[in-house]
Structures are given as C-alpha cells and as structure tokens.
C-alpha cells in the first residue's frame, strides 16, 4: 500500500437492505471524481453492494440491529475498500460462493466480489469484522 493514501469516503449506515441504494449513491459520488471509466465504476459498486448485502444477511444475528462502515481510500495506483461491521467475528473458511454449476438465484456474491476485486482479505477485530478489498485503478487514472 502507498504511504500517500487519501480517504475518499467514510460512510456509516444501518445494516438494512433499505440503506443499500444510498450507499451505492455515496460510492458513485466519491469515485466519480477519481474514476472516469463507467465499466470499472459499475463493477466496483456491484462488488461493494454484494459485500454490504452479505453483512446485512449473514453477519448480525436475527433481530439484532447493526451498522456498517464503508471506507474508500485512494493509493497511488489502487483503491482500497473496507467494509467494517460490529457483528460477532466470522470464520473466513465458511465464507464461500456456491458452485457455479448450481443454477439458481442467489449465493454468488463472494464469487462476484473476488472476480471484480484484485485482492480480498477478511479479518476479525475485537468488536467485529473487516473485509478489505483492493482494486487497481484503470490505466489512465493512476
């Protein structure tokens, strides 16, 4: 990672699917000043939507309200994304996509995230989890 990282967005919201549209809007607004490539921008928004959706669906125990913090930083040649939750630590070995040959709706978020992002790292922290994702900026935007 670069020593010259710049925070582009720190957005805190309720872990509720009704909040995802506002999150996507915040991400687009933050990244449009940095990225002009629409395909790149759409892919990143999709990956972050999937990551936050997974937190909403799987991280917090039923009936427990929760929050998500989304951070976006720009390094020299990449963007660093962190999805932070305050749910019980999860076991990264249990986070996986279903088999792609199993044709049915849902269950492909992990696959989408890993195919869009260059690096995906999960860590549990004292009071939650951090999913950090790195995506190299398009050639003309570095």
N, C-alpha and C. Protein backbone atom coordinates (compact mmCIF):
# COMPACT_ATOMS: atom_id res chain seq x y z
N UNK A 1 0.83 -1.18 0.00
CA UNK A 1 0.00 0.00 0.00
C UNK A 1 0.87 1.25 0.00
N UNK A 2 0.32 2.28 -0.50
CA UNK A 2 1.04 3.54 -0.62
C UNK A 2 1.04 4.29 0.71
N UNK A 3 2.06 5.08 0.89
CA UNK A 3 2.10 5.96 2.06
C UNK A 3 1.22 7.18 1.84
N UNK A 4 0.87 7.43 0.58
CA UNK A 4 0.11 8.62 0.22
C UNK A 4 -1.37 8.30 0.00
N UNK A 5 -1.98 7.55 0.90
CA UNK A 5 -3.39 7.22 0.76
C UNK A 5 -4.26 8.40 1.15
N UNK A 6 -5.33 8.59 0.42
CA UNK A 6 -6.26 9.67 0.66
C UNK A 6 -7.64 9.09 0.90
N UNK A 7 -8.27 9.47 2.01
CA UNK A 7 -9.62 8.99 2.32
C UNK A 7 -10.61 9.69 1.38
N UNK A 8 -11.34 8.91 0.60
CA UNK A 8 -12.35 9.44 -0.30
C UNK A 8 -13.74 9.40 0.30
N UNK A 9 -13.97 8.39 1.16
CA UNK A 9 -15.31 8.23 1.75
C UNK A 9 -15.20 7.46 3.04
N UNK A 10 -15.94 7.90 4.03
CA UNK A 10 -16.19 7.13 5.25
C UNK A 10 -17.67 7.30 5.51
N UNK A 11 -18.43 6.24 5.26
CA UNK A 11 -19.89 6.30 5.30
C UNK A 11 -20.40 5.24 6.26
N UNK A 12 -21.13 5.67 7.27
CA UNK A 12 -21.69 4.78 8.28
C UNK A 12 -23.19 4.70 8.06
N UNK A 13 -23.73 3.47 8.04
CA UNK A 13 -25.16 3.31 7.81
C UNK A 13 -25.68 2.06 8.52
N UNK A 14 -26.99 2.00 8.68
CA UNK A 14 -27.63 0.85 9.32
C UNK A 14 -27.50 -0.37 8.42
N UNK A 15 -27.27 -1.52 9.02
CA UNK A 15 -27.19 -2.78 8.27
C UNK A 15 -28.61 -3.22 7.91
N UNK A 16 -29.12 -2.56 6.90
CA UNK A 16 -30.50 -2.76 6.46
C UNK A 16 -30.51 -2.62 4.94
N UNK A 17 -31.14 -3.55 4.25
CA UNK A 17 -31.14 -3.51 2.79
C UNK A 17 -31.75 -2.23 2.23
N UNK A 18 -32.61 -1.58 3.00
CA UNK A 18 -33.19 -0.31 2.56
C UNK A 18 -32.13 0.79 2.45
N UNK A 19 -30.98 0.59 3.06
CA UNK A 19 -29.90 1.59 3.05
C UNK A 19 -28.93 1.40 1.88
N UNK A 20 -29.06 0.31 1.13
CA UNK A 20 -28.08 0.00 0.08
C UNK A 20 -28.08 1.01 -1.07
N UNK A 21 -29.24 1.51 -1.43
CA UNK A 21 -29.28 2.49 -2.53
C UNK A 21 -28.50 3.76 -2.16
N UNK A 22 -28.70 4.25 -0.95
CA UNK A 22 -27.96 5.44 -0.52
C UNK A 22 -26.46 5.15 -0.47
N UNK A 23 -26.08 3.94 -0.05
CA UNK A 23 -24.66 3.56 -0.03
C UNK A 23 -24.10 3.59 -1.44
N UNK A 24 -24.81 2.99 -2.40
CA UNK A 24 -24.34 2.99 -3.79
C UNK A 24 -24.19 4.42 -4.32
N UNK A 25 -25.13 5.29 -3.98
CA UNK A 25 -25.04 6.70 -4.40
C UNK A 25 -23.81 7.37 -3.80
N UNK A 26 -23.54 7.12 -2.53
CA UNK A 26 -22.36 7.69 -1.87
C UNK A 26 -21.08 7.21 -2.55
N UNK A 27 -21.02 5.92 -2.87
CA UNK A 27 -19.84 5.37 -3.53
C UNK A 27 -19.65 6.01 -4.90
N UNK A 28 -20.71 6.09 -5.69
CA UNK A 28 -20.61 6.70 -7.02
C UNK A 28 -20.14 8.15 -6.93
N UNK A 29 -20.72 8.91 -6.00
CA UNK A 29 -20.33 10.31 -5.84
C UNK A 29 -18.85 10.43 -5.47
N UNK A 30 -18.39 9.57 -4.56
CA UNK A 30 -16.99 9.63 -4.12
C UNK A 30 -16.03 9.23 -5.23
N UNK A 31 -16.41 8.24 -6.03
CA UNK A 31 -15.49 7.72 -7.04
C UNK A 31 -15.53 8.46 -8.37
N UNK A 32 -16.60 9.16 -8.67
CA UNK A 32 -16.68 9.86 -9.95
C UNK A 32 -15.62 10.95 -10.08
N UNK A 33 -15.13 11.46 -8.97
CA UNK A 33 -14.06 12.46 -9.02
C UNK A 33 -12.71 11.81 -9.32
N UNK A 34 -12.63 10.48 -9.18
CA UNK A 34 -11.36 9.76 -9.33
C UNK A 34 -11.34 8.86 -10.56
N UNK A 35 -12.50 8.30 -10.91
CA UNK A 35 -12.57 7.29 -11.97
C UNK A 35 -13.57 7.74 -13.03
N UNK A 36 -13.10 7.77 -14.29
CA UNK A 36 -13.98 8.12 -15.41
C UNK A 36 -14.47 6.91 -16.17
N UNK A 37 -13.95 5.75 -15.87
CA UNK A 37 -14.29 4.51 -16.57
C UNK A 37 -15.59 3.95 -15.99
N UNK A 38 -16.69 4.04 -16.76
CA UNK A 38 -18.01 3.63 -16.27
C UNK A 38 -18.06 2.14 -15.95
N UNK A 39 -17.42 1.31 -16.76
CA UNK A 39 -17.43 -0.14 -16.52
C UNK A 39 -16.73 -0.47 -15.20
N UNK A 40 -15.60 0.16 -14.95
CA UNK A 40 -14.86 -0.02 -13.71
C UNK A 40 -15.73 0.42 -12.53
N UNK A 41 -16.32 1.60 -12.64
CA UNK A 41 -17.15 2.15 -11.57
C UNK A 41 -18.35 1.24 -11.27
N UNK A 42 -19.02 0.77 -12.30
CA UNK A 42 -20.17 -0.12 -12.10
C UNK A 42 -19.76 -1.43 -11.43
N UNK A 43 -18.62 -1.98 -11.83
CA UNK A 43 -18.15 -3.23 -11.23
C UNK A 43 -17.84 -3.04 -9.75
N UNK A 44 -17.17 -1.95 -9.41
CA UNK A 44 -16.82 -1.68 -8.01
C UNK A 44 -18.09 -1.49 -7.17
N UNK A 45 -19.04 -0.74 -7.70
CA UNK A 45 -20.30 -0.52 -6.97
C UNK A 45 -21.00 -1.87 -6.75
N UNK A 46 -21.01 -2.74 -7.75
CA UNK A 46 -21.61 -4.06 -7.61
C UNK A 46 -20.92 -4.87 -6.52
N UNK A 47 -19.59 -4.88 -6.52
CA UNK A 47 -18.85 -5.64 -5.50
C UNK A 47 -19.14 -5.11 -4.10
N UNK A 48 -19.18 -3.80 -3.93
CA UNK A 48 -19.45 -3.23 -2.61
C UNK A 48 -20.89 -3.49 -2.18
N UNK A 49 -21.82 -3.44 -3.12
CA UNK A 49 -23.21 -3.77 -2.81
C UNK A 49 -23.32 -5.22 -2.34
N UNK A 50 -22.62 -6.12 -3.01
CA UNK A 50 -22.63 -7.53 -2.61
C UNK A 50 -22.01 -7.72 -1.23
N UNK A 51 -20.89 -7.05 -0.98
CA UNK A 51 -20.22 -7.18 0.32
C UNK A 51 -21.13 -6.67 1.45
N UNK A 52 -21.75 -5.52 1.24
CA UNK A 52 -22.63 -4.98 2.27
C UNK A 52 -23.89 -5.83 2.42
N UNK A 53 -24.41 -6.36 1.32
CA UNK A 53 -25.57 -7.24 1.38
C UNK A 53 -25.26 -8.49 2.20
N UNK A 54 -24.05 -9.03 2.02
CA UNK A 54 -23.66 -10.20 2.80
C UNK A 54 -23.60 -9.90 4.29
N UNK A 55 -23.11 -8.73 4.64
CA UNK A 55 -23.09 -8.34 6.06
C UNK A 55 -24.53 -8.27 6.58
N UNK A 56 -25.40 -7.63 5.81
CA UNK A 56 -26.79 -7.47 6.23
C UNK A 56 -27.47 -8.83 6.42
N UNK A 57 -27.23 -9.75 5.48
CA UNK A 57 -27.90 -11.06 5.52
C UNK A 57 -27.29 -12.05 6.51
N UNK A 58 -25.98 -11.97 6.69
CA UNK A 58 -25.31 -13.07 7.40
C UNK A 58 -24.54 -12.69 8.67
N UNK A 59 -24.13 -11.43 8.81
CA UNK A 59 -23.22 -11.11 9.91
C UNK A 59 -23.93 -10.95 11.26
N UNK A 60 -25.01 -10.22 11.27
CA UNK A 60 -25.68 -9.94 12.54
C UNK A 60 -26.70 -11.03 12.85
N UNK A 61 -26.78 -11.44 14.11
CA UNK A 61 -27.82 -12.41 14.49
C UNK A 61 -29.20 -11.83 14.19
N UNK A 62 -30.15 -12.73 13.93
CA UNK A 62 -31.51 -12.27 13.64
C UNK A 62 -32.02 -11.33 14.72
N UNK A 63 -32.76 -10.35 14.26
CA UNK A 63 -33.39 -9.36 15.14
C UNK A 63 -32.40 -8.43 15.82
N UNK A 64 -31.11 -8.51 15.51
CA UNK A 64 -30.15 -7.58 16.11
C UNK A 64 -29.85 -6.47 15.11
N UNK A 65 -30.08 -5.25 15.54
CA UNK A 65 -29.75 -4.11 14.68
C UNK A 65 -28.23 -4.00 14.59
N UNK A 66 -27.75 -3.55 13.48
CA UNK A 66 -26.32 -3.42 13.30
C UNK A 66 -25.98 -2.24 12.41
N UNK A 67 -24.71 -1.98 12.31
CA UNK A 67 -24.23 -0.90 11.47
C UNK A 67 -23.08 -1.40 10.61
N UNK A 68 -22.86 -0.67 9.52
CA UNK A 68 -21.75 -0.93 8.61
C UNK A 68 -21.03 0.39 8.40
N UNK A 69 -19.72 0.33 8.36
CA UNK A 69 -18.92 1.48 7.96
C UNK A 69 -18.21 1.09 6.68
N UNK A 70 -18.35 1.92 5.67
CA UNK A 70 -17.68 1.71 4.39
C UNK A 70 -16.63 2.80 4.23
N UNK A 71 -15.40 2.38 4.04
CA UNK A 71 -14.30 3.31 3.82
C UNK A 71 -13.72 3.08 2.43
N UNK A 72 -13.39 4.18 1.76
CA UNK A 72 -12.71 4.10 0.48
C UNK A 72 -11.51 5.04 0.54
N UNK A 73 -10.35 4.47 0.25
CA UNK A 73 -9.12 5.27 0.19
C UNK A 73 -8.50 5.11 -1.19
N UNK A 74 -7.82 6.15 -1.61
CA UNK A 74 -7.09 6.07 -2.86
C UNK A 74 -5.60 6.02 -2.55
N UNK A 75 -4.92 5.03 -3.12
CA UNK A 75 -3.47 4.95 -3.08
C UNK A 75 -2.95 5.47 -4.41
N UNK A 76 -1.66 5.32 -4.65
CA UNK A 76 -1.09 5.80 -5.91
C UNK A 76 -1.69 5.12 -7.12
N UNK A 77 -1.88 3.81 -7.05
CA UNK A 77 -2.34 3.06 -8.22
C UNK A 77 -3.56 2.20 -7.95
N UNK A 78 -4.14 2.32 -6.76
CA UNK A 78 -5.28 1.48 -6.44
C UNK A 78 -6.25 2.18 -5.52
N UNK A 79 -7.43 1.58 -5.43
CA UNK A 79 -8.41 2.00 -4.44
C UNK A 79 -8.50 0.90 -3.41
N UNK A 80 -8.61 1.30 -2.15
CA UNK A 80 -8.73 0.37 -1.03
C UNK A 80 -10.12 0.57 -0.43
N UNK A 81 -10.85 -0.53 -0.32
CA UNK A 81 -12.22 -0.50 0.20
C UNK A 81 -12.26 -1.33 1.48
N UNK A 82 -12.91 -0.82 2.50
CA UNK A 82 -13.10 -1.58 3.74
C UNK A 82 -14.58 -1.56 4.11
N UNK A 83 -15.12 -2.74 4.30
CA UNK A 83 -16.48 -2.89 4.81
C UNK A 83 -16.30 -3.39 6.24
N UNK A 84 -16.70 -2.57 7.18
CA UNK A 84 -16.48 -2.84 8.61
C UNK A 84 -17.84 -3.06 9.26
N UNK A 85 -17.95 -4.16 10.00
CA UNK A 85 -19.17 -4.39 10.77
C UNK A 85 -18.80 -4.61 12.23
N UNK A 86 -19.80 -4.65 13.07
CA UNK A 86 -19.61 -4.79 14.51
C UNK A 86 -20.32 -6.05 15.01
N UNK A 87 -20.43 -7.02 14.13
CA UNK A 87 -21.08 -8.30 14.42
C UNK A 87 -20.07 -9.26 15.05
N UNK A 88 -20.54 -10.38 15.55
CA UNK A 88 -19.60 -11.38 16.08
C UNK A 88 -18.61 -11.79 14.98
N UNK A 89 -17.37 -12.08 15.35
CA UNK A 89 -16.37 -12.49 14.35
C UNK A 89 -16.87 -13.70 13.56
N UNK A 90 -16.58 -13.70 12.28
CA UNK A 90 -16.99 -14.84 11.45
C UNK A 90 -15.76 -15.66 11.06
N UNK A 91 -16.01 -16.88 10.70
CA UNK A 91 -14.95 -17.80 10.30
C UNK A 91 -14.76 -17.67 8.79
N UNK A 92 -13.63 -17.09 8.32
CA UNK A 92 -13.42 -16.90 6.88
C UNK A 92 -13.48 -18.19 6.08
N UNK A 93 -13.19 -19.33 6.69
CA UNK A 93 -13.24 -20.60 5.95
C UNK A 93 -14.68 -20.98 5.58
N UNK A 94 -15.65 -20.35 6.24
CA UNK A 94 -17.05 -20.65 5.94
C UNK A 94 -17.65 -19.66 4.94
N UNK A 95 -16.86 -18.69 4.52
CA UNK A 95 -17.32 -17.70 3.55
C UNK A 95 -16.92 -18.19 2.17
N UNK A 96 -17.90 -18.65 1.42
CA UNK A 96 -17.60 -19.13 0.07
C UNK A 96 -18.85 -19.04 -0.79
N UNK A 97 -18.61 -18.99 -2.07
CA UNK A 97 -19.68 -18.95 -3.04
C UNK A 97 -20.20 -20.37 -3.28
N UNK A 98 -21.41 -20.48 -3.71
CA UNK A 98 -21.90 -21.81 -4.08
C UNK A 98 -21.28 -22.18 -5.42
N UNK A 99 -21.37 -23.44 -5.79
CA UNK A 99 -20.84 -23.95 -7.05
C UNK A 99 -21.51 -23.23 -8.21
N UNK A 100 -20.73 -22.76 -9.16
CA UNK A 100 -21.28 -22.03 -10.30
C UNK A 100 -22.16 -22.90 -11.19
N UNK A 101 -22.00 -24.21 -11.10
CA UNK A 101 -22.85 -25.11 -11.88
C UNK A 101 -24.23 -25.28 -11.25
N UNK A 102 -24.39 -24.84 -10.02
CA UNK A 102 -25.67 -24.92 -9.31
C UNK A 102 -26.49 -23.69 -9.71
N UNK A 103 -27.30 -23.85 -10.74
CA UNK A 103 -28.01 -22.71 -11.33
C UNK A 103 -29.30 -22.45 -10.56
N UNK A 104 -29.29 -21.35 -9.83
CA UNK A 104 -30.45 -20.89 -9.07
C UNK A 104 -30.14 -19.48 -8.59
N UNK A 105 -31.12 -18.71 -8.18
CA UNK A 105 -30.86 -17.34 -7.74
C UNK A 105 -30.05 -17.31 -6.44
N UNK A 106 -29.24 -16.27 -6.31
CA UNK A 106 -28.52 -16.00 -5.07
C UNK A 106 -27.27 -16.83 -4.88
N UNK A 107 -26.48 -16.44 -3.89
CA UNK A 107 -25.31 -17.22 -3.50
C UNK A 107 -24.05 -16.97 -4.29
N UNK A 108 -24.04 -15.93 -5.13
CA UNK A 108 -22.85 -15.68 -5.96
C UNK A 108 -22.08 -14.43 -5.56
N UNK A 109 -22.47 -13.80 -4.46
CA UNK A 109 -21.82 -12.56 -4.04
C UNK A 109 -20.33 -12.71 -3.83
N UNK A 110 -19.92 -13.76 -3.16
CA UNK A 110 -18.48 -13.97 -2.89
C UNK A 110 -17.73 -14.15 -4.21
N UNK A 111 -18.32 -14.89 -5.14
CA UNK A 111 -17.69 -15.08 -6.45
C UNK A 111 -17.57 -13.74 -7.19
N UNK A 112 -18.64 -12.95 -7.19
CA UNK A 112 -18.59 -11.64 -7.86
C UNK A 112 -17.52 -10.74 -7.26
N UNK A 113 -17.48 -10.69 -5.94
CA UNK A 113 -16.50 -9.83 -5.27
C UNK A 113 -15.09 -10.25 -5.65
N UNK A 114 -14.79 -11.54 -5.57
CA UNK A 114 -13.43 -12.00 -5.85
C UNK A 114 -13.07 -11.88 -7.32
N UNK A 115 -14.06 -11.91 -8.22
CA UNK A 115 -13.74 -11.75 -9.64
C UNK A 115 -13.58 -10.28 -10.02
N UNK A 116 -14.18 -9.37 -9.28
CA UNK A 116 -14.07 -7.94 -9.58
C UNK A 116 -12.84 -7.33 -8.92
N UNK A 117 -12.61 -7.66 -7.67
CA UNK A 117 -11.50 -7.05 -6.93
C UNK A 117 -10.19 -7.81 -7.18
N UNK A 118 -9.08 -7.10 -7.06
CA UNK A 118 -7.77 -7.72 -7.24
C UNK A 118 -7.33 -8.48 -6.00
N UNK A 119 -7.68 -7.97 -4.83
CA UNK A 119 -7.35 -8.62 -3.57
C UNK A 119 -8.55 -8.52 -2.64
N UNK A 120 -8.80 -9.59 -1.90
CA UNK A 120 -9.88 -9.61 -0.91
C UNK A 120 -9.32 -10.26 0.35
N UNK A 121 -9.37 -9.52 1.46
CA UNK A 121 -8.85 -10.02 2.73
C UNK A 121 -9.88 -9.81 3.83
N UNK A 122 -10.08 -10.83 4.62
CA UNK A 122 -11.01 -10.75 5.74
C UNK A 122 -10.23 -10.80 7.04
N UNK A 123 -10.61 -9.97 7.98
CA UNK A 123 -10.02 -10.07 9.31
C UNK A 123 -11.08 -9.78 10.36
N UNK A 124 -11.00 -10.53 11.44
CA UNK A 124 -11.88 -10.21 12.55
C UNK A 124 -11.08 -9.32 13.50
N UNK A 125 -11.78 -8.42 14.08
CA UNK A 125 -11.19 -7.49 15.04
C UNK A 125 -11.93 -7.66 16.35
N UNK A 126 -11.50 -6.95 17.36
CA UNK A 126 -12.05 -7.14 18.70
C UNK A 126 -13.58 -7.09 18.71
N UNK A 127 -14.15 -6.14 18.02
CA UNK A 127 -15.61 -5.99 18.04
C UNK A 127 -16.18 -5.97 16.63
N UNK A 128 -15.86 -6.98 15.83
CA UNK A 128 -16.44 -7.02 14.50
C UNK A 128 -15.55 -7.68 13.47
N UNK A 129 -15.76 -7.28 12.23
CA UNK A 129 -15.07 -7.86 11.08
C UNK A 129 -14.73 -6.75 10.10
N UNK A 130 -13.64 -6.95 9.37
CA UNK A 130 -13.26 -6.02 8.30
C UNK A 130 -13.03 -6.84 7.04
N UNK A 131 -13.71 -6.46 5.99
CA UNK A 131 -13.45 -7.02 4.67
C UNK A 131 -12.73 -5.93 3.90
N UNK A 132 -11.47 -6.17 3.57
CA UNK A 132 -10.69 -5.19 2.81
C UNK A 132 -10.51 -5.71 1.39
N UNK A 133 -10.79 -4.84 0.45
CA UNK A 133 -10.69 -5.18 -0.96
C UNK A 133 -9.85 -4.11 -1.65
N UNK A 134 -9.03 -4.55 -2.59
CA UNK A 134 -8.17 -3.63 -3.32
C UNK A 134 -8.43 -3.83 -4.80
N UNK A 135 -8.53 -2.70 -5.51
CA UNK A 135 -8.75 -2.73 -6.96
C UNK A 135 -7.80 -1.72 -7.59
N UNK A 136 -6.98 -2.20 -8.53
CA UNK A 136 -6.06 -1.33 -9.25
C UNK A 136 -6.88 -0.35 -10.10
N UNK A 137 -6.45 0.90 -10.09
CA UNK A 137 -7.13 1.91 -10.90
C UNK A 137 -6.93 1.63 -12.38
N UNK A 138 -7.87 2.05 -13.23
CA UNK A 138 -7.67 1.88 -14.67
C UNK A 138 -6.39 2.59 -15.12
N UNK A 139 -5.82 2.10 -16.20
CA UNK A 139 -4.52 2.58 -16.69
C UNK A 139 -4.42 4.10 -16.75
N UNK A 140 -5.39 4.77 -17.32
CA UNK A 140 -5.31 6.21 -17.49
C UNK A 140 -5.63 7.02 -16.25
N UNK A 141 -5.92 6.37 -15.13
CA UNK A 141 -6.38 7.09 -13.92
C UNK A 141 -5.40 6.96 -12.76
N UNK A 142 -4.24 6.38 -13.02
CA UNK A 142 -3.26 6.17 -11.94
C UNK A 142 -2.43 7.39 -11.70
